[in-house]
């Protein structure tokens, strides 16, 4: 299934959460409140300004991004992939060295 997000929405494939920390400590169920990492799959056309113009988003298809730990109702499972649809401004950071 292909999703085309509206305006400032972004479709992100969320990476599975690790069950161990970087130091090898077992995190158990829930894994704490660590931020999530995902890859941008689709990007909406941009933020609709009051003037009627579209301002492009700072994220692009293929970018790896950091997401808040609880993405809540924006998360879904489609075709076996864990996806999130969220506003670009909710993304915490773009990973530049992955």
PDB file of N, CA and C in Angstrom:
ATOM      1  N   UNK A   1       0.847  -1.171   0.000  1.00  0.00           N
ATOM      2  CA  UNK A   1       0.000   0.000   0.000  1.00  0.00           C
ATOM      3  C   UNK A   1       0.898   1.241   0.000  1.00  0.00           C
ATOM      4  N   UNK A   2       0.595   2.197  -0.836  1.00  0.00           N
ATOM      5  CA  UNK A   2       1.358   3.443  -0.902  1.00  0.00           C
ATOM      6  C   UNK A   2       0.533   4.549  -0.252  1.00  0.00           C
ATOM      7  N   UNK A   3       1.158   5.285   0.654  1.00  0.00           N
ATOM      8  CA  UNK A   3       0.492   6.378   1.348  1.00  0.00           C
ATOM      9  C   UNK A   3       1.064   7.703   0.853  1.00  0.00           C
ATOM     10  N   UNK A   4       0.205   8.636   0.511  1.00  0.00           N
ATOM     11  CA  UNK A   4       0.625   9.980   0.115  1.00  0.00           C
ATOM     12  C   UNK A   4       0.151  10.953   1.189  1.00  0.00           C
ATOM     13  N   UNK A   5       1.071  11.439   2.026  1.00  0.00           N
ATOM     14  CA  UNK A   5       0.671  12.304   3.127  1.00  0.00           C
ATOM     15  C   UNK A   5       0.215  13.683   2.655  1.00  0.00           C
ATOM     16  N   UNK A   6      -0.659  14.281   3.422  1.00  0.00           N
ATOM     17  CA  UNK A   6      -1.197  15.602   3.123  1.00  0.00           C
ATOM     18  C   UNK A   6      -0.339  16.682   3.783  1.00  0.00           C
ATOM     19  N   UNK A   7      -0.185  17.800   3.111  1.00  0.00           N
ATOM     20  CA  UNK A   7       0.463  19.012   3.605  1.00  0.00           C
ATOM     21  C   UNK A   7       1.753  18.732   4.376  1.00  0.00           C
ATOM     22  N   UNK A   8       1.765  18.963   5.704  1.00  0.00           N
ATOM     23  CA  UNK A   8       3.012  18.849   6.469  1.00  0.00           C
ATOM     24  C   UNK A   8       3.165  17.491   7.163  1.00  0.00           C
ATOM     25  N   UNK A   9       2.467  16.483   6.660  1.00  0.00           N
ATOM     26  CA  UNK A   9       2.557  15.141   7.234  1.00  0.00           C
ATOM     27  C   UNK A   9       3.697  14.357   6.580  1.00  0.00           C
ATOM     28  N   UNK A  10       4.278  13.430   7.338  1.00  0.00           N
ATOM     29  CA  UNK A  10       5.403  12.615   6.884  1.00  0.00           C
ATOM     30  C   UNK A  10       5.116  11.160   7.248  1.00  0.00           C
ATOM     31  N   UNK A  11       5.387  10.231   6.332  1.00  0.00           N
ATOM     32  CA  UNK A  11       5.253   8.794   6.608  1.00  0.00           C
ATOM     33  C   UNK A  11       6.645   8.262   6.923  1.00  0.00           C
ATOM     34  N   UNK A  12       6.777   7.589   8.077  1.00  0.00           N
ATOM     35  CA  UNK A  12       8.077   7.120   8.558  1.00  0.00           C
ATOM     36  C   UNK A  12       7.995   5.637   8.897  1.00  0.00           C
ATOM     37  N   UNK A  13       8.988   4.866   8.423  1.00  0.00           N
ATOM     38  CA  UNK A  13       9.121   3.468   8.840  1.00  0.00           C
ATOM     39  C   UNK A  13       9.909   3.472  10.133  1.00  0.00           C
ATOM     40  N   UNK A  14       9.286   2.982  11.216  1.00  0.00           N
ATOM     41  CA  UNK A  14       9.902   2.994  12.535  1.00  0.00           C
ATOM     42  C   UNK A  14      10.733   1.728  12.709  1.00  0.00           C
ATOM     43  N   UNK A  15      11.985   1.903  13.111  1.00  0.00           N
ATOM     44  CA  UNK A  15      12.883   0.772  13.347  1.00  0.00           C
ATOM     45  C   UNK A  15      12.446   0.019  14.598  1.00  0.00           C
ATOM     46  N   UNK A  16      12.621  -1.314  14.598  1.00  0.00           N
ATOM     47  CA  UNK A  16      12.296  -2.071  15.812  1.00  0.00           C
ATOM     48  C   UNK A  16      13.133  -1.582  16.988  1.00  0.00           C
ATOM     49  N   UNK A  17      12.505  -1.538  18.169  1.00  0.00           N
ATOM     50  CA  UNK A  17      13.210  -1.089  19.358  1.00  0.00           C
ATOM     51  C   UNK A  17      14.179  -2.169  19.820  1.00  0.00           C
ATOM     52  N   UNK A  18      15.342  -1.749  20.234  1.00  0.00           N
ATOM     53  CA  UNK A  18      16.345  -2.684  20.738  1.00  0.00           C
ATOM     54  C   UNK A  18      15.934  -3.161  22.129  1.00  0.00           C
ATOM     55  N   UNK A  19      16.215  -4.433  22.430  1.00  0.00           N
ATOM     56  CA  UNK A  19      15.912  -4.934  23.759  1.00  0.00           C
ATOM     57  C   UNK A  19      17.122  -4.865  24.686  1.00  0.00           C
ATOM     58  N   UNK A  20      18.236  -4.314  24.153  1.00  0.00           N
ATOM     59  CA  UNK A  20      19.437  -4.099  24.964  1.00  0.00           C
ATOM     60  C   UNK A  20      19.940  -2.684  24.716  1.00  0.00           C
ATOM     61  N   UNK A  21      20.543  -2.110  25.746  1.00  0.00           N
ATOM     62  CA  UNK A  21      21.150  -0.787  25.586  1.00  0.00           C
ATOM     63  C   UNK A  21      22.455  -0.931  24.823  1.00  0.00           C
ATOM     64  N   UNK A  22      23.061   0.189  24.462  1.00  0.00           N
ATOM     65  CA  UNK A  22      24.342   0.158  23.749  1.00  0.00           C
ATOM     66  C   UNK A  22      25.412  -0.546  24.583  1.00  0.00           C
ATOM     67  N   UNK A  23      25.279  -0.501  25.907  1.00  0.00           N
ATOM     68  CA  UNK A  23      26.241  -1.155  26.796  1.00  0.00           C
ATOM     69  C   UNK A  23      25.937  -2.614  27.054  1.00  0.00           C
ATOM     70  N   UNK A  24      24.851  -3.146  26.452  1.00  0.00           N
ATOM     71  CA  UNK A  24      24.515  -4.556  26.595  1.00  0.00           C
ATOM     72  C   UNK A  24      23.565  -4.884  27.734  1.00  0.00           C
ATOM     73  N   UNK A  25      22.988  -3.869  28.361  1.00  0.00           N
ATOM     74  CA  UNK A  25      22.062  -4.105  29.469  1.00  0.00           C
ATOM     75  C   UNK A  25      20.682  -4.428  28.911  1.00  0.00           C
ATOM     76  N   UNK A  26      20.069  -5.522  29.402  1.00  0.00           N
ATOM     77  CA  UNK A  26      18.725  -5.902  28.968  1.00  0.00           C
ATOM     78  C   UNK A  26      17.733  -4.875  29.474  1.00  0.00           C
ATOM     79  N   UNK A  27      16.924  -4.331  28.572  1.00  0.00           N
ATOM     80  CA  UNK A  27      15.987  -3.270  28.914  1.00  0.00           C
ATOM     81  C   UNK A  27      14.632  -3.800  29.361  1.00  0.00           C
ATOM     82  N   UNK A  28      14.318  -5.030  29.024  1.00  0.00           N
ATOM     83  CA  UNK A  28      13.023  -5.588  29.401  1.00  0.00           C
ATOM     84  C   UNK A  28      11.906  -5.057  28.526  1.00  0.00           C
ATOM     85  N   UNK A  29      10.699  -5.427  28.867  1.00  0.00           N
ATOM     86  CA  UNK A  29       9.545  -5.020  28.076  1.00  0.00           C
ATOM     87  C   UNK A  29       9.340  -3.517  28.172  1.00  0.00           C
ATOM     88  N   UNK A  30       9.110  -2.884  27.063  1.00  0.00           N
ATOM     89  CA  UNK A  30       8.891  -1.441  27.029  1.00  0.00           C
ATOM     90  C   UNK A  30      10.158  -0.656  26.760  1.00  0.00           C
ATOM     91  N   UNK A  31      11.319  -1.184  27.168  1.00  0.00           N
ATOM     92  CA  UNK A  31      12.599  -0.584  26.845  1.00  0.00           C
ATOM     93  C   UNK A  31      12.822   0.830  27.339  1.00  0.00           C
ATOM     94  N   UNK A  32      12.035   1.318  28.274  1.00  0.00           N
ATOM     95  CA  UNK A  32      12.261   2.661  28.796  1.00  0.00           C
ATOM     96  C   UNK A  32      11.640   3.720  27.915  1.00  0.00           C
ATOM     97  N   UNK A  33      12.166   4.913  28.023  1.00  0.00           N
ATOM     98  CA  UNK A  33      11.609   6.048  27.284  1.00  0.00           C
ATOM     99  C   UNK A  33      12.562   6.551  26.221  1.00  0.00           C
ATOM    100  N   UNK A  34      13.295   5.657  25.605  1.00  0.00           N
ATOM    101  CA  UNK A  34      14.261   6.046  24.584  1.00  0.00           C
ATOM    102  C   UNK A  34      13.540   6.531  23.336  1.00  0.00           C
ATOM    103  N   UNK A  35      14.132   7.512  22.686  1.00  0.00           N
ATOM    104  CA  UNK A  35      13.582   8.004  21.424  1.00  0.00           C
ATOM    105  C   UNK A  35      13.666   6.897  20.378  1.00  0.00           C
ATOM    106  N   UNK A  36      12.828   6.982  19.370  1.00  0.00           N
ATOM    107  CA  UNK A  36      12.780   6.001  18.292  1.00  0.00           C
ATOM    108  C   UNK A  36      13.527   6.539  17.077  1.00  0.00           C
ATOM    109  N   UNK A  37      13.957   5.631  16.226  1.00  0.00           N
ATOM    110  CA  UNK A  37      14.612   6.000  14.978  1.00  0.00           C
ATOM    111  C   UNK A  37      13.787   5.450  13.829  1.00  0.00           C
ATOM    112  N   UNK A  38      13.685   6.211  12.750  1.00  0.00           N
ATOM    113  CA  UNK A  38      12.936   5.756  11.597  1.00  0.00           C
ATOM    114  C   UNK A  38      13.466   6.380  10.315  1.00  0.00           C
ATOM    115  N   UNK A  39      12.989   5.819   9.194  1.00  0.00           N
ATOM    116  CA  UNK A  39      13.377   6.339   7.884  1.00  0.00           C
ATOM    117  C   UNK A  39      12.153   6.929   7.206  1.00  0.00           C
ATOM    118  N   UNK A  40      12.326   8.118   6.639  1.00  0.00           N
ATOM    119  CA  UNK A  40      11.231   8.816   5.964  1.00  0.00           C
ATOM    120  C   UNK A  40      10.933   8.105   4.639  1.00  0.00           C
ATOM    121  N   UNK A  41       9.669   7.696   4.467  1.00  0.00           N
ATOM    122  CA  UNK A  41       9.242   7.019   3.244  1.00  0.00           C
ATOM    123  C   UNK A  41       8.526   7.952   2.275  1.00  0.00           C
ATOM    124  N   UNK A  42       7.722   8.858   2.803  1.00  0.00           N
ATOM    125  CA  UNK A  42       6.965   9.807   1.979  1.00  0.00           C
ATOM    126  C   UNK A  42       6.851  11.129   2.727  1.00  0.00           C
ATOM    127  N   UNK A  43       6.794  12.217   1.985  1.00  0.00           N
ATOM    128  CA  UNK A  43       6.700  13.557   2.562  1.00  0.00           C
ATOM    129  C   UNK A  43       5.580  14.303   1.853  1.00  0.00           C
ATOM    130  N   UNK A  44       4.753  14.990   2.639  1.00  0.00           N
ATOM    131  CA  UNK A  44       3.698  15.814   2.064  1.00  0.00           C
ATOM    132  C   UNK A  44       4.284  17.010   1.318  1.00  0.00           C
ATOM    133  N   UNK A  45       3.453  17.749   0.580  1.00  0.00           N
ATOM    134  CA  UNK A  45       3.949  18.853  -0.230  1.00  0.00           C
ATOM    135  C   UNK A  45       4.472  20.050   0.565  1.00  0.00           C
ATOM    136  N   UNK A  46       4.074  20.201   1.826  1.00  0.00           N
ATOM    137  CA  UNK A  46       4.592  21.295   2.638  1.00  0.00           C
ATOM    138  C   UNK A  46       3.536  21.913   3.528  1.00  0.00           C
ATOM    139  N   UNK A  47       3.975  22.894   4.303  1.00  0.00           N
ATOM    140  CA  UNK A  47       3.081  23.610   5.211  1.00  0.00           C
ATOM    141  C   UNK A  47       2.300  24.638   4.406  1.00  0.00           C
ATOM    142  N   UNK A  48       0.992  24.650   4.572  1.00  0.00           N
ATOM    143  CA  UNK A  48       0.146  25.622   3.887  1.00  0.00           C
ATOM    144  C   UNK A  48       0.158  26.927   4.678  1.00  0.00           C
ATOM    145  N   UNK A  49       0.695  27.988   4.075  1.00  0.00           N
ATOM    146  CA  UNK A  49       0.785  29.285   4.730  1.00  0.00           C
ATOM    147  C   UNK A  49      -0.526  30.050   4.557  1.00  0.00           C
ATOM    148  N   UNK A  50      -0.716  31.078   5.368  1.00  0.00           N
ATOM    149  CA  UNK A  50      -1.932  31.895   5.268  1.00  0.00           C
ATOM    150  C   UNK A  50      -2.082  32.521   3.897  1.00  0.00           C
ATOM    151  N   UNK A  51      -0.961  32.767   3.226  1.00  0.00           N
ATOM    152  CA  UNK A  51      -0.982  33.368   1.891  1.00  0.00           C
ATOM    153  C   UNK A  51      -1.450  32.380   0.821  1.00  0.00           C
ATOM    154  N   UNK A  52      -1.572  31.106   1.193  1.00  0.00           N
ATOM    155  CA  UNK A  52      -1.960  30.082   0.235  1.00  0.00           C
ATOM    156  C   UNK A  52      -0.777  29.360  -0.385  1.00  0.00           C
ATOM    157  N   UNK A  53       0.430  29.833  -0.101  1.00  0.00           N
ATOM    158  CA  UNK A  53       1.641  29.198  -0.625  1.00  0.00           C
ATOM    159  C   UNK A  53       2.008  27.979   0.220  1.00  0.00           C
ATOM    160  N   UNK A  54       2.743  27.046  -0.408  1.00  0.00           N
ATOM    161  CA  UNK A  54       3.247  25.887   0.311  1.00  0.00           C
ATOM    162  C   UNK A  54       4.730  26.107   0.631  1.00  0.00           C
ATOM    163  N   UNK A  55       5.082  25.937   1.895  1.00  0.00           N
ATOM    164  CA  UNK A  55       6.472  26.028   2.329  1.00  0.00           C
ATOM    165  C   UNK A  55       7.001  24.599   2.425  1.00  0.00           C
ATOM    166  N   UNK A  56       8.041  24.226   1.660  1.00  0.00           N
ATOM    167  CA  UNK A  56       8.538  22.851   1.674  1.00  0.00           C
ATOM    168  C   UNK A  56       9.031  22.424   3.056  1.00  0.00           C
ATOM    169  N   UNK A  57       8.987  21.127   3.291  1.00  0.00           N
ATOM    170  CA  UNK A  57       9.410  20.570   4.579  1.00  0.00           C
ATOM    171  C   UNK A  57      10.925  20.351   4.605  1.00  0.00           C
ATOM    172  N   UNK A  58      11.534  20.386   5.799  1.00  0.00           N
ATOM    173  CA  UNK A  58      12.980  20.194   5.905  1.00  0.00           C
ATOM    174  C   UNK A  58      13.423  18.744   5.755  1.00  0.00           C
ATOM    175  N   UNK A  59      12.504  17.798   5.881  1.00  0.00           N
ATOM    176  CA  UNK A  59      12.875  16.383   5.737  1.00  0.00           C
ATOM    177  C   UNK A  59      12.566  15.904   4.329  1.00  0.00           C
ATOM    178  N   UNK A  60      13.345  14.956   3.867  1.00  0.00           N
ATOM    179  CA  UNK A  60      13.192  14.406   2.521  1.00  0.00           C
ATOM    180  C   UNK A  60      13.082  12.889   2.606  1.00  0.00           C
ATOM    181  N   UNK A  61      12.535  12.276   1.567  1.00  0.00           N
ATOM    182  CA  UNK A  61      12.459  10.820   1.481  1.00  0.00           C
ATOM    183  C   UNK A  61      13.877  10.260   1.598  1.00  0.00           C
ATOM    184  N   UNK A  62      14.037   9.255   2.449  1.00  0.00           N
ATOM    185  CA  UNK A  62      15.337   8.629   2.659  1.00  0.00           C
ATOM    186  C   UNK A  62      16.052   9.103   3.911  1.00  0.00           C
ATOM    187  N   UNK A  63      15.680  10.276   4.443  1.00  0.00           N
ATOM    188  CA  UNK A  63      16.309  10.752   5.672  1.00  0.00           C
ATOM    189  C   UNK A  63      16.031   9.787   6.823  1.00  0.00           C
ATOM    190  N   UNK A  64      17.021   9.601   7.693  1.00  0.00           N
ATOM    191  CA  UNK A  64      16.841   8.891   8.958  1.00  0.00           C
ATOM    192  C   UNK A  64      16.579   9.956  10.005  1.00  0.00           C
ATOM    193  N   UNK A  65      15.573   9.727  10.853  1.00  0.00           N
ATOM    194  CA  UNK A  65      15.148  10.741  11.812  1.00  0.00           C
ATOM    195  C   UNK A  65      14.981  10.138  13.207  1.00  0.00           C
ATOM    196  N   UNK A  66      15.006  11.027  14.208  1.00  0.00           N
ATOM    197  CA  UNK A  66      14.748  10.664  15.593  1.00  0.00           C
ATOM    198  C   UNK A  66      13.329  11.105  15.918  1.00  0.00           C
ATOM    199  N   UNK A  67      12.547  10.174  16.486  1.00  0.00           N
ATOM    200  CA  UNK A  67      11.147  10.427  16.811  1.00  0.00           C
ATOM    201  C   UNK A  67      10.960  10.435  18.323  1.00  0.00           C
ATOM    202  N   UNK A  68       9.903  11.080  18.817  1.00  0.00           N
ATOM    203  CA  UNK A  68       9.637  11.022  20.251  1.00  0.00           C
ATOM    204  C   UNK A  68       9.363   9.583  20.685  1.00  0.00           C
ATOM    205  N   UNK A  69       9.612   9.234  21.957  1.00  0.00           N
ATOM    206  CA  UNK A  69       9.473   7.849  22.402  1.00  0.00           C
ATOM    207  C   UNK A  69       8.049   7.303  22.295  1.00  0.00           C
ATOM    208  N   UNK A  70       7.061   8.154  22.405  1.00  0.00           N
ATOM    209  CA  UNK A  70       5.669   7.685  22.339  1.00  0.00           C
ATOM    210  C   UNK A  70       4.974   8.365  21.167  1.00  0.00           C
ATOM    211  N   UNK A  71       4.887   7.649  20.036  1.00  0.00           N
ATOM    212  CA  UNK A  71       4.264   8.255  18.859  1.00  0.00           C
ATOM    213  C   UNK A  71       2.760   8.013  18.823  1.00  0.00           C
ATOM    214  N   UNK A  72       2.279   7.197  19.737  1.00  0.00           N
ATOM    215  CA  UNK A  72       0.842   7.057  19.995  1.00  0.00           C
ATOM    216  C   UNK A  72      -0.010   6.673  18.808  1.00  0.00           C
ATOM    217  N   UNK A  73      -1.093   7.429  18.607  1.00  0.00           N
ATOM    218  CA  UNK A  73      -2.105   7.070  17.615  1.00  0.00           C
ATOM    219  C   UNK A  73      -1.623   7.239  16.183  1.00  0.00           C
ATOM    220  N   UNK A  74      -0.466   7.856  15.983  1.00  0.00           N
ATOM    221  CA  UNK A  74       0.042   8.017  14.626  1.00  0.00           C
ATOM    222  C   UNK A  74       0.732   6.760  14.119  1.00  0.00           C
ATOM    223  N   UNK A  75       0.850   5.738  14.979  1.00  0.00           N
ATOM    224  CA  UNK A  75       1.536   4.503  14.614  1.00  0.00           C
ATOM    225  C   UNK A  75       0.547   3.464  14.093  1.00  0.00           C
ATOM    226  N   UNK A  76       0.975   2.713  13.064  1.00  0.00           N
ATOM    227  CA  UNK A  76       0.133   1.656  12.492  1.00  0.00           C
ATOM    228  C   UNK A  76       1.019   0.567  11.902  1.00  0.00           C
ATOM    229  N   UNK A  77       0.431  -0.569  11.624  1.00  0.00           N
ATOM    230  CA  UNK A  77       1.147  -1.670  10.989  1.00  0.00           C
ATOM    231  C   UNK A  77       0.508  -1.900   9.623  1.00  0.00           C
ATOM    232  N   UNK A  78       1.268  -1.641   8.557  1.00  0.00           N
ATOM    233  CA  UNK A  78       0.759  -1.807   7.200  1.00  0.00           C
ATOM    234  C   UNK A  78       1.733  -2.690   6.436  1.00  0.00           C
ATOM    235  N   UNK A  79       1.217  -3.729   5.828  1.00  0.00           N
ATOM    236  CA  UNK A  79       2.032  -4.666   5.044  1.00  0.00           C
ATOM    237  C   UNK A  79       3.236  -5.177   5.835  1.00  0.00           C
ATOM    238  N   UNK A  80       3.038  -5.410   7.144  1.00  0.00           N
ATOM    239  CA  UNK A  80       4.101  -5.952   7.983  1.00  0.00           C
ATOM    240  C   UNK A  80       5.145  -4.944   8.432  1.00  0.00           C
ATOM    241  N   UNK A  81       4.953  -3.669   8.124  1.00  0.00           N
ATOM    242  CA  UNK A  81       5.904  -2.634   8.534  1.00  0.00           C
ATOM    243  C   UNK A  81       5.268  -1.730   9.592  1.00  0.00           C
ATOM    244  N   UNK A  82       6.081  -1.345  10.563  1.00  0.00           N
ATOM    245  CA  UNK A  82       5.634  -0.411  11.593  1.00  0.00           C
ATOM    246  C   UNK A  82       5.825   0.999  11.049  1.00  0.00           C
ATOM    247  N   UNK A  83       4.718   1.688  10.782  1.00  0.00           N
ATOM    248  CA  UNK A  83       4.757   3.027  10.191  1.00  0.00           C
ATOM    249  C   UNK A  83       4.172   4.055  11.147  1.00  0.00           C
ATOM    250  N   UNK A  84       4.621   5.276  10.998  1.00  0.00           N
ATOM    251  CA  UNK A  84       4.046   6.403  11.722  1.00  0.00           C
ATOM    252  C   UNK A  84       3.755   7.504  10.711  1.00  0.00           C
ATOM    253  N   UNK A  85       2.618   8.149  10.887  1.00  0.00           N
ATOM    254  CA  UNK A  85       2.297   9.342  10.092  1.00  0.00           C
ATOM    255  C   UNK A  85       2.204  10.487  11.089  1.00  0.00           C
ATOM    256  N   UNK A  86       3.070  11.474  10.904  1.00  0.00           N
ATOM    257  CA  UNK A  86       3.112  12.572  11.861  1.00  0.00           C
ATOM    258  C   UNK A  86       3.506  13.873  11.169  1.00  0.00           C
ATOM    259  N   UNK A  87       3.259  14.975  11.836  1.00  0.00           N
ATOM    260  CA  UNK A  87       3.663  16.275  11.316  1.00  0.00           C
ATOM    261  C   UNK A  87       5.188  16.378  11.358  1.00  0.00           C
ATOM    262  N   UNK A  88       5.746  17.038  10.375  1.00  0.00           N
ATOM    263  CA  UNK A  88       7.198  17.185  10.303  1.00  0.00           C
ATOM    264  C   UNK A  88       7.751  17.867  11.553  1.00  0.00           C
ATOM    265  N   UNK A  89       7.009  18.789  12.131  1.00  0.00           N
ATOM    266  CA  UNK A  89       7.506  19.509  13.315  1.00  0.00           C
ATOM    267  C   UNK A  89       7.598  18.624  14.555  1.00  0.00           C
ATOM    268  N   UNK A  90       6.979  17.429  14.520  1.00  0.00           N
ATOM    269  CA  UNK A  90       7.074  16.501  15.650  1.00  0.00           C
ATOM    270  C   UNK A  90       8.357  15.669  15.613  1.00  0.00           C
ATOM    271  N   UNK A  91       9.052  15.670  14.480  1.00  0.00           N
ATOM    272  CA  UNK A  91      10.323  14.953  14.360  1.00  0.00           C
ATOM    273  C   UNK A  91      11.357  15.718  15.183  1.00  0.00           C
ATOM    274  N   UNK A  92      12.112  14.986  16.006  1.00  0.00           N
ATOM    275  CA  UNK A  92      13.061  15.620  16.920  1.00  0.00           C
ATOM    276  C   UNK A  92      14.358  16.036  16.221  1.00  0.00           C
ATOM    277  N   UNK A  93      14.837  15.219  15.270  1.00  0.00           N
ATOM    278  CA  UNK A  93      16.114  15.517  14.614  1.00  0.00           C
ATOM    279  C   UNK A  93      16.261  14.680  13.349  1.00  0.00           C
ATOM    280  N   UNK A  94      17.109  15.171  12.429  1.00  0.00           N
ATOM    281  CA  UNK A  94      17.523  14.413  11.249  1.00  0.00           C
ATOM    282  C   UNK A  94      18.905  13.857  11.560  1.00  0.00           C
ATOM    283  N   UNK A  95      19.103  12.566  11.315  1.00  0.00           N
ATOM    284  CA  UNK A  95      20.395  11.924  11.552  1.00  0.00           C
ATOM    285  C   UNK A  95      21.240  12.131  10.296  1.00  0.00           C
ATOM    286  N   UNK A  96      22.383  12.759  10.446  1.00  0.00           N
ATOM    287  CA  UNK A  96      23.192  13.108   9.275  1.00  0.00           C
ATOM    288  C   UNK A  96      24.330  12.143   8.986  1.00  0.00           C
ATOM    289  N   UNK A  97      24.645  11.242   9.898  1.00  0.00           N
ATOM    290  CA  UNK A  97      25.800  10.378   9.698  1.00  0.00           C
ATOM    291  C   UNK A  97      25.465   8.888   9.684  1.00  0.00           C
ATOM    292  N   UNK A  98      24.298   8.550   9.238  1.00  0.00           N
ATOM    293  CA  UNK A  98      23.909   7.140   9.203  1.00  0.00           C
ATOM    294  C   UNK A  98      24.160   6.566   7.830  1.00  0.00           C
TER     295      UNK A  98
END
